[in-house]
C-alpha atoms as a PDB file:
ATOM      1  CA  UNK A   1     -20.982 -73.190  99.274  1.00  0.00           C
ATOM      2  CA  UNK A   2     -19.608 -71.895  96.204  1.00  0.00           C
ATOM      3  CA  UNK A   3     -18.140 -75.375  94.662  1.00  0.00           C
ATOM      4  CA  UNK A   4     -22.085 -76.317  95.196  1.00  0.00           C
ATOM      5  CA  UNK A   5     -23.635 -73.524  94.079  1.00  0.00           C
ATOM      6  CA  UNK A   6     -21.453 -73.909  90.668  1.00  0.00           C
ATOM      7  CA  UNK A   7     -21.925 -77.432  90.318  1.00  0.00           C
ATOM      8  CA  UNK A   8     -25.758 -76.774  90.662  1.00  0.00           C
ATOM      9  CA  UNK A   9     -25.686 -74.306  87.852  1.00  0.00           C
ATOM     10  CA  UNK A  10     -23.875 -76.105  85.605  1.00  0.00           C
ATOM     11  CA  UNK A  11     -26.144 -79.254  86.298  1.00  0.00           C
ATOM     12  CA  UNK A  12     -29.029 -76.847  85.580  1.00  0.00           C
ATOM     13  CA  UNK A  13     -27.272 -76.029  82.154  1.00  0.00           C
ATOM     14  CA  UNK A  14     -26.941 -79.472  81.108  1.00  0.00           C
ATOM     15  CA  UNK A  15     -30.275 -80.271  82.066  1.00  0.00           C
ATOM     16  CA  UNK A  16     -31.316 -76.738  79.728  1.00  0.00           C
ATOM     17  CA  UNK A  17     -29.386 -77.786  76.996  1.00  0.00           C
ATOM     18  CA  UNK A  18     -30.788 -81.772  77.022  1.00  0.00           C
ATOM     19  CA  UNK A  19     -34.374 -80.203  76.752  1.00  0.00           C
ATOM     20  CA  UNK A  20     -33.256 -77.937  74.091  1.00  0.00           C
ATOM     21  CA  UNK A  21     -31.405 -80.743  71.544  1.00  0.00           C
ATOM     22  CA  UNK A  22     -34.377 -82.830  72.591  1.00  0.00           C
ATOM     23  CA  UNK A  23     -37.080 -80.702  70.729  1.00  0.00           C
ATOM     24  CA  UNK A  24     -34.604 -79.712  68.336  1.00  0.00           C
ATOM     25  CA  UNK A  25     -34.472 -83.315  67.343  1.00  0.00           C
ATOM     26  CA  UNK A  26     -38.781 -83.832  67.564  1.00  0.00           C
ATOM     27  CA  UNK A  27     -38.492 -80.960  65.641  1.00  0.00           C
ATOM     28  CA  UNK A  28     -36.022 -82.416  63.167  1.00  0.00           C
ATOM     29  CA  UNK A  29     -38.525 -85.446  62.981  1.00  0.00           C
ATOM     30  CA  UNK A  30     -41.668 -84.519  62.480  1.00  0.00           C
ATOM     31  CA  UNK A  31     -40.264 -82.144  59.865  1.00  0.00           C
ATOM     32  CA  UNK A  32     -38.975 -84.876  57.799  1.00  0.00           C
ATOM     33  CA  UNK A  33     -41.541 -87.303  58.866  1.00  0.00           C
ATOM     34  CA  UNK A  34     -44.066 -84.773  57.037  1.00  0.00           C
ATOM     35  CA  UNK A  35     -41.724 -84.563  54.175  1.00  0.00           C
ATOM     36  CA  UNK A  36     -41.729 -87.798  53.465  1.00  0.00           C
ATOM     37  CA  UNK A  37     -45.643 -87.825  53.606  1.00  0.00           C
ATOM     38  CA  UNK A  38     -45.738 -84.953  50.753  1.00  0.00           C
ATOM     39  CA  UNK A  39     -46.661 -85.748  47.557  1.00  0.00           C
ATOM     40  CA  UNK A  40     -43.911 -85.755  45.135  1.00  0.00           C
ATOM     41  CA  UNK A  41     -44.277 -83.052  42.296  1.00  0.00           C
ATOM     42  CA  UNK A  42     -46.531 -83.362  39.318  1.00  0.00           C
ATOM     43  CA  UNK A  43     -44.451 -84.743  36.352  1.00  0.00           C
ATOM     44  CA  UNK A  44     -43.627 -82.203  34.015  1.00  0.00           C
ATOM     45  CA  UNK A  45     -43.153 -81.477  30.241  1.00  0.00           C
ATOM     46  CA  UNK A  46     -41.462 -78.977  28.291  1.00  0.00           C
ATOM     47  CA  UNK A  47     -42.673 -77.435  25.330  1.00  0.00           C
ATOM     48  CA  UNK A  48     -42.598 -74.285  23.251  1.00  0.00           C
ATOM     49  CA  UNK A  49     -44.025 -70.996  23.955  1.00  0.00           C
ATOM     50  CA  UNK A  50     -44.209 -67.530  22.747  1.00  0.00           C
ATOM     51  CA  UNK A  51     -41.580 -65.768  24.498  1.00  0.00           C
ATOM     52  CA  UNK A  52     -43.486 -62.446  23.733  1.00  0.00           C
ATOM     53  CA  UNK A  53     -46.618 -61.451  21.982  1.00  0.00           C
ATOM     54  CA  UNK A  54     -46.994 -62.044  18.332  1.00  0.00           C
ATOM     55  CA  UNK A  55     -48.890 -61.215  15.443  1.00  0.00           C
ATOM     56  CA  UNK A  56     -50.432 -63.236  12.952  1.00  0.00           C
ATOM     57  CA  UNK A  57     -48.919 -63.476   9.386  1.00  0.00           C
ATOM     58  CA  UNK A  58     -45.401 -63.616  10.787  1.00  0.00           C
ATOM     59  CA  UNK A  59     -42.930 -66.321  11.024  1.00  0.00           C
ATOM     60  CA  UNK A  60     -41.416 -66.601  14.696  1.00  0.00           C
ATOM     61  CA  UNK A  61     -37.411 -66.566  14.955  1.00  0.00           C
ATOM     62  CA  UNK A  62     -35.546 -67.936  17.684  1.00  0.00           C
ATOM     63  CA  UNK A  63     -35.763 -65.048  20.469  1.00  0.00           C
ATOM     64  CA  UNK A  64     -39.675 -65.008  19.706  1.00  0.00           C
ATOM     65  CA  UNK A  65     -39.605 -68.354  21.552  1.00  0.00           C
ATOM     66  CA  UNK A  66     -38.663 -70.245  25.093  1.00  0.00           C
ATOM     67  CA  UNK A  67     -39.499 -73.559  26.395  1.00  0.00           C
ATOM     68  CA  UNK A  68     -41.879 -73.873  29.197  1.00  0.00           C
ATOM     69  CA  UNK A  69     -42.678 -76.456  31.777  1.00  0.00           C
ATOM     70  CA  UNK A  70     -46.474 -77.736  32.063  1.00  0.00           C
ATOM     71  CA  UNK A  71     -47.966 -80.119  34.317  1.00  0.00           C
ATOM     72  CA  UNK A  72     -48.220 -83.095  32.046  1.00  0.00           C
ATOM     73  CA  UNK A  73     -52.064 -83.321  32.364  1.00  0.00           C
ATOM     74  CA  UNK A  74     -52.612 -80.086  31.583  1.00  0.00           C
ATOM     75  CA  UNK A  75     -50.507 -80.122  27.978  1.00  0.00           C
ATOM     76  CA  UNK A  76     -52.617 -79.277  24.966  1.00  0.00           C
ATOM     77  CA  UNK A  77     -52.971 -81.412  21.975  1.00  0.00           C
ATOM     78  CA  UNK A  78     -50.514 -80.811  19.148  1.00  0.00           C
ATOM     79  CA  UNK A  79     -48.270 -78.779  21.126  1.00  0.00           C
ATOM     80  CA  UNK A  80     -44.393 -77.986  19.928  1.00  0.00           C
ATOM     81  CA  UNK A  81     -41.953 -79.213  21.849  1.00  0.00           C
ATOM     82  CA  UNK A  82     -38.331 -77.179  21.709  1.00  0.00           C
ATOM     83  CA  UNK A  83     -36.242 -78.282  18.814  1.00  0.00           C
ATOM     84  CA  UNK A  84     -39.589 -78.104  16.582  1.00  0.00           C
ATOM     85  CA  UNK A  85     -38.708 -76.781  12.940  1.00  0.00           C
ATOM     86  CA  UNK A  86     -40.964 -73.457  12.825  1.00  0.00           C
ATOM     87  CA  UNK A  87     -38.688 -71.533  10.357  1.00  0.00           C
ATOM     88  CA  UNK A  88     -40.711 -71.535   7.424  1.00  0.00           C
ATOM     89  CA  UNK A  89     -44.140 -71.360   9.290  1.00  0.00           C
ATOM     90  CA  UNK A  90     -46.146 -68.845   9.172  1.00  0.00           C
ATOM     91  CA  UNK A  91     -48.635 -68.249  12.523  1.00  0.00           C
ATOM     92  CA  UNK A  92     -52.400 -68.094  11.502  1.00  0.00           C
ATOM     93  CA  UNK A  93     -53.026 -65.202  14.280  1.00  0.00           C
ATOM     94  CA  UNK A  94     -52.092 -63.271  17.174  1.00  0.00           C
ATOM     95  CA  UNK A  95     -50.397 -65.241  20.243  1.00  0.00           C
ATOM     96  CA  UNK A  96     -49.815 -64.560  23.736  1.00  0.00           C
ATOM     97  CA  UNK A  97     -46.479 -64.325  25.674  1.00  0.00           C
ATOM     98  CA  UNK A  98     -46.246 -67.360  27.611  1.00  0.00           C
ATOM     99  CA  UNK A  99     -48.679 -69.050  25.271  1.00  0.00           C
ATOM    100  CA  UNK A 100     -47.876 -73.270  24.345  1.00  0.00           C
ATOM    101  CA  UNK A 101     -47.735 -73.199  20.490  1.00  0.00           C
ATOM    102  CA  UNK A 102     -49.501 -76.066  18.613  1.00  0.00           C
ATOM    103  CA  UNK A 103     -49.618 -77.154  15.544  1.00  0.00           C
ATOM    104  CA  UNK A 104     -52.963 -75.369  15.079  1.00  0.00           C
ATOM    105  CA  UNK A 105     -51.640 -71.415  15.707  1.00  0.00           C
ATOM    106  CA  UNK A 106     -49.922 -72.151  12.525  1.00  0.00           C
ATOM    107  CA  UNK A 107     -50.878 -72.140   8.722  1.00  0.00           C
ATOM    108  CA  UNK A 108     -50.932 -75.624   7.234  1.00  0.00           C
ATOM    109  CA  UNK A 109     -53.190 -78.288   5.673  1.00  0.00           C
ATOM    110  CA  UNK A 110     -55.198 -78.697   9.087  1.00  0.00           C
ATOM    111  CA  UNK A 111     -56.497 -75.347   8.588  1.00  0.00           C
ATOM    112  CA  UNK A 112     -57.656 -75.705   4.959  1.00  0.00           C
ATOM    113  CA  UNK A 113     -60.729 -77.827   5.146  1.00  0.00           C
ATOM    114  CA  UNK A 114     -60.069 -80.903   2.716  1.00  0.00           C
ATOM    115  CA  UNK A 115     -60.840 -79.716  -1.036  1.00  0.00           C
ATOM    116  CA  UNK A 116     -60.375 -75.986  -0.472  1.00  0.00           C
ATOM    117  CA  UNK A 117     -58.032 -73.634  -1.071  1.00  0.00           C
ATOM    118  CA  UNK A 118     -56.468 -70.780   1.333  1.00  0.00           C
ATOM    119  CA  UNK A 119     -57.684 -67.270  -0.575  1.00  0.00           C
ATOM    120  CA  UNK A 120     -56.247 -64.214   0.827  1.00  0.00           C
ATOM    121  CA  UNK A 121     -58.518 -60.875  -0.043  1.00  0.00           C
ATOM    122  CA  UNK A 122     -58.223 -57.228   1.309  1.00  0.00           C
ATOM    123  CA  UNK A 123     -61.121 -54.980   2.994  1.00  0.00           C
ATOM    124  CA  UNK A 124     -60.744 -51.182   2.636  1.00  0.00           C
ATOM    125  CA  UNK A 125     -61.267 -50.755   6.608  1.00  0.00           C
ATOM    126  CA  UNK A 126     -58.511 -52.031   8.789  1.00  0.00           C
ATOM    127  CA  UNK A 127     -60.646 -51.710  11.869  1.00  0.00           C
ATOM    128  CA  UNK A 128     -62.957 -54.221  10.650  1.00  0.00           C
ATOM    129  CA  UNK A 129     -60.017 -57.082  10.832  1.00  0.00           C
ATOM    130  CA  UNK A 130     -59.707 -56.268  14.701  1.00  0.00           C
ATOM    131  CA  UNK A 131     -62.786 -57.565  15.493  1.00  0.00           C
ATOM    132  CA  UNK A 132     -62.147 -61.083  13.984  1.00  0.00           C
ATOM    133  CA  UNK A 133     -60.683 -64.108  15.165  1.00  0.00           C
ATOM    134  CA  UNK A 134     -58.998 -67.101  13.493  1.00  0.00           C
ATOM    135  CA  UNK A 135     -62.101 -69.870  13.016  1.00  0.00           C
ATOM    136  CA  UNK A 136     -64.647 -66.769  12.376  1.00  0.00           C
ATOM    137  CA  UNK A 137     -67.661 -67.559   9.641  1.00  0.00           C
ATOM    138  CA  UNK A 138     -67.959 -64.743   7.360  1.00  0.00           C
ATOM    139  CA  UNK A 139     -70.441 -63.964   4.935  1.00  0.00           C
ATOM    140  CA  UNK A 140     -68.332 -61.951   1.903  1.00  0.00           C
ATOM    141  CA  UNK A 141     -70.316 -59.474  -0.110  1.00  0.00           C
ATOM    142  CA  UNK A 142     -69.073 -57.397  -3.585  1.00  0.00           C
ATOM    143  CA  UNK A 143     -70.189 -53.838  -3.610  1.00  0.00           C
ATOM    144  CA  UNK A 144     -70.984 -51.867  -6.475  1.00  0.00           C
ATOM    145  CA  UNK A 145     -70.397 -48.729  -8.085  1.00  0.00           C
ATOM    146  CA  UNK A 146     -74.226 -47.984  -8.435  1.00  0.00           C
ATOM    147  CA  UNK A 147     -75.495 -46.526  -5.325  1.00  0.00           C
ATOM    148  CA  UNK A 148     -79.280 -48.411  -5.995  1.00  0.00           C
ATOM    149  CA  UNK A 149     -77.681 -51.418  -6.585  1.00  0.00           C
ATOM    150  CA  UNK A 150     -77.432 -54.373  -3.391  1.00  0.00           C
ATOM    151  CA  UNK A 151     -74.213 -56.021  -2.865  1.00  0.00           C
ATOM    152  CA  UNK A 152     -74.153 -59.044  -4.220  1.00  0.00           C
ATOM    153  CA  UNK A 153     -73.267 -62.108  -1.996  1.00  0.00           C
ATOM    154  CA  UNK A 154     -70.161 -63.808  -3.177  1.00  0.00           C
ATOM    155  CA  UNK A 155     -69.518 -66.575  -0.457  1.00  0.00           C
ATOM    156  CA  UNK A 156     -71.779 -67.649   2.200  1.00  0.00           C
ATOM    157  CA  UNK A 157     -70.068 -68.929   5.982  1.00  0.00           C
ATOM    158  CA  UNK A 158     -66.354 -69.100   4.737  1.00  0.00           C
ATOM    159  CA  UNK A 159     -63.874 -69.804   7.813  1.00  0.00           C
ATOM    160  CA  UNK A 160     -61.248 -67.181   8.849  1.00  0.00           C
ATOM    161  CA  UNK A 161     -57.384 -69.192   9.008  1.00  0.00           C
ATOM    162  CA  UNK A 162     -55.440 -66.340   9.068  1.00  0.00           C
ATOM    163  CA  UNK A 163     -55.265 -62.711   9.872  1.00  0.00           C
ATOM    164  CA  UNK A 164     -51.734 -61.254   9.086  1.00  0.00           C
ATOM    165  CA  UNK A 165     -50.923 -58.087  11.056  1.00  0.00           C
ATOM    166  CA  UNK A 166     -49.938 -56.459   8.467  1.00  0.00           C
ATOM    167  CA  UNK A 167     -52.327 -53.425   7.794  1.00  0.00           C
ATOM    168  CA  UNK A 168     -52.225 -50.196   5.549  1.00  0.00           C
ATOM    169  CA  UNK A 169     -54.099 -47.291   3.920  1.00  0.00           C
ATOM    170  CA  UNK A 170     -55.453 -49.769   1.300  1.00  0.00           C
ATOM    171  CA  UNK A 171     -56.826 -52.223   4.071  1.00  0.00           C
ATOM    172  CA  UNK A 172     -56.372 -55.149   6.014  1.00  0.00           C
ATOM    173  CA  UNK A 173     -55.574 -58.406   4.820  1.00  0.00           C
ATOM    174  CA  UNK A 174     -57.568 -61.686   5.827  1.00  0.00           C
ATOM    175  CA  UNK A 175     -57.191 -65.467   4.572  1.00  0.00           C
ATOM    176  CA  UNK A 176     -60.379 -67.420   4.303  1.00  0.00           C
ATOM    177  CA  UNK A 177     -60.586 -71.393   3.358  1.00  0.00           C
ATOM    178  CA  UNK A 178     -62.790 -71.574   0.328  1.00  0.00           C
ATOM    179  CA  UNK A 179     -63.929 -74.070  -2.459  1.00  0.00           C
ATOM    180  CA  UNK A 180     -61.721 -73.356  -5.550  1.00  0.00           C
ATOM    181  CA  UNK A 181     -65.529 -72.511  -7.636  1.00  0.00           C
ATOM    182  CA  UNK A 182     -65.893 -69.658  -4.601  1.00  0.00           C
ATOM    183  CA  UNK A 183     -61.861 -68.709  -5.059  1.00  0.00           C
ATOM    184  CA  UNK A 184     -62.616 -68.074  -8.476  1.00  0.00           C
ATOM    185  CA  UNK A 185     -65.690 -65.861  -7.646  1.00  0.00           C
ATOM    186  CA  UNK A 186     -63.665 -63.659  -5.390  1.00  0.00           C
ATOM    187  CA  UNK A 187     -61.111 -62.841  -8.057  1.00  0.00           C
ATOM    188  CA  UNK A 188     -63.238 -61.853 -10.032  1.00  0.00           C
ATOM    189  CA  UNK A 189     -65.093 -59.443  -7.728  1.00  0.00           C
ATOM    190  CA  UNK A 190     -62.399 -58.344  -6.109  1.00  0.00           C
ATOM    191  CA  UNK A 191     -60.946 -57.198  -9.682  1.00  0.00           C
ATOM    192  CA  UNK A 192     -63.785 -54.751  -9.951  1.00  0.00           C
ATOM    193  CA  UNK A 193     -65.704 -54.525  -6.359  1.00  0.00           C
ATOM    194  CA  UNK A 194     -65.026 -53.773  -3.173  1.00  0.00           C
ATOM    195  CA  UNK A 195     -65.238 -56.738  -0.866  1.00  0.00           C
ATOM    196  CA  UNK A 196     -67.005 -56.387   2.670  1.00  0.00           C
ATOM    197  CA  UNK A 197     -67.457 -58.617   5.246  1.00  0.00           C
ATOM    198  CA  UNK A 198     -70.512 -59.954   7.477  1.00  0.00           C
ATOM    199  CA  UNK A 199     -69.659 -62.097  10.490  1.00  0.00           C
ATOM    200  CA  UNK A 200     -72.458 -65.271  10.705  1.00  0.00           C
ATOM    201  CA  UNK A 201     -73.061 -67.829  13.069  1.00  0.00           C
ATOM    202  CA  UNK A 202     -73.786 -70.299  10.605  1.00  0.00           C
ATOM    203  CA  UNK A 203     -71.313 -73.265  10.283  1.00  0.00           C
ATOM    204  CA  UNK A 204     -72.773 -75.030   7.653  1.00  0.00           C
END
């Protein structure tokens, strides 16, 4: 009886192990089947991005940059690739950490309209520059020392092309794209007047 009982137990264990192995094999088949049907990951492109928050008006160093993998269909126009020469390129405005860098983020011919020049000027209230963004349009006024005289309009709807981060007790620096004639008027006005700015939606 003992031998028969042992054989029955052995046979039962063998059947249980066969069912277990069959179940494992079936699960593996399902897994590999689903894996083969899953879509392949989308192709990616390596681009150049900011490694940390960067201020406008600075030249990025290698430590300020990192490589970033992005889906090929999400690449912005003009994006820079690793190895791009940015050693002498100045950021036109602040850049957030992880943001892909494009050619539009740097000062260059593309930011200054044809027939225009980049003209930097300083405003007395540094806090005002914190309200501005690259691409904003400004009306520029030259104040006078006469309390009853109105400030004169020097330039209308000029575009901000850079906001260097340097600020001091003397104010903040703003760079605008203007015609040579307007640059001449601004140069004259800044010698004996204080320049004030007003945001305008007019893009003409």
